Each structure stands twice: as C-alpha cells, then as structure tokens.
Amino acid sequence: MKLTLKKQQEICIGCQLCCTQLGFYIPNETVVIDFYNVRGCNVYQRSDGETIASIPMECQHLYEGGCAIYSSRPQVCRDYNGILEFGDQCGLYGHDLGDR
C-alpha cells in the first residue's frame, strides 16, 4: 500500500539520514574502502552490493524537530529520497512510495 505524504514526512523527519550525511558511491575494492575508512568516512555495503561512503554534513536548515524550511524547501529536496544513496539504511526503504 502506498504511503501517504504525511506518513512519508513522518518517516523522513524521524530518519534524517540524508539531511545529516553526504553519501557517495565508491568502488568495492579493498584499497578504496580502506582509504575512505582511514579518512574517517562511514563505509558500508548496501543490500544490493553497492558500496557507499558517507561523511557527516548536516543541512543548514535542519533542527531538532525537522526542517526549518520544510514548506518552502527546494524542489530537489521534495523529489529526493535517501534510498538511492543509503539503500536499506534509509527510513523509506521497503515502503511503497508510488510515483513520487
């Protein structure tokens, strides 16, 4: 069953992973993984086998209760979800989002 917009918002506010971390794909090679680990990145393998590195990078509009500009946030923030980067670590993972 497709999540309602309200439920999607609740999940995102509870998760905040893509608002607090900047994730990026890296090659699944030991030397690359070791390099990013030594540099202090969080490196993990998604359930689909892709390797992601992430660094703490909190959005300037994030506060304890969520997004300070949620109702006027940029379109990219409206369209984006963290599943592409964070896979099963994203709070929305496994939910039916329909045609966002």
Foldseek 3Di string as FASTA:
>chain_A
DADDPVVVQVLCQVQVPVQFKDKDWDDPDPVGVVVLVVVPWDWDAAPVGTIMTIDTDHHPQADNRGGVCVVPDDVCVVVDFCCVGPNPSGSCHPHHNDPD
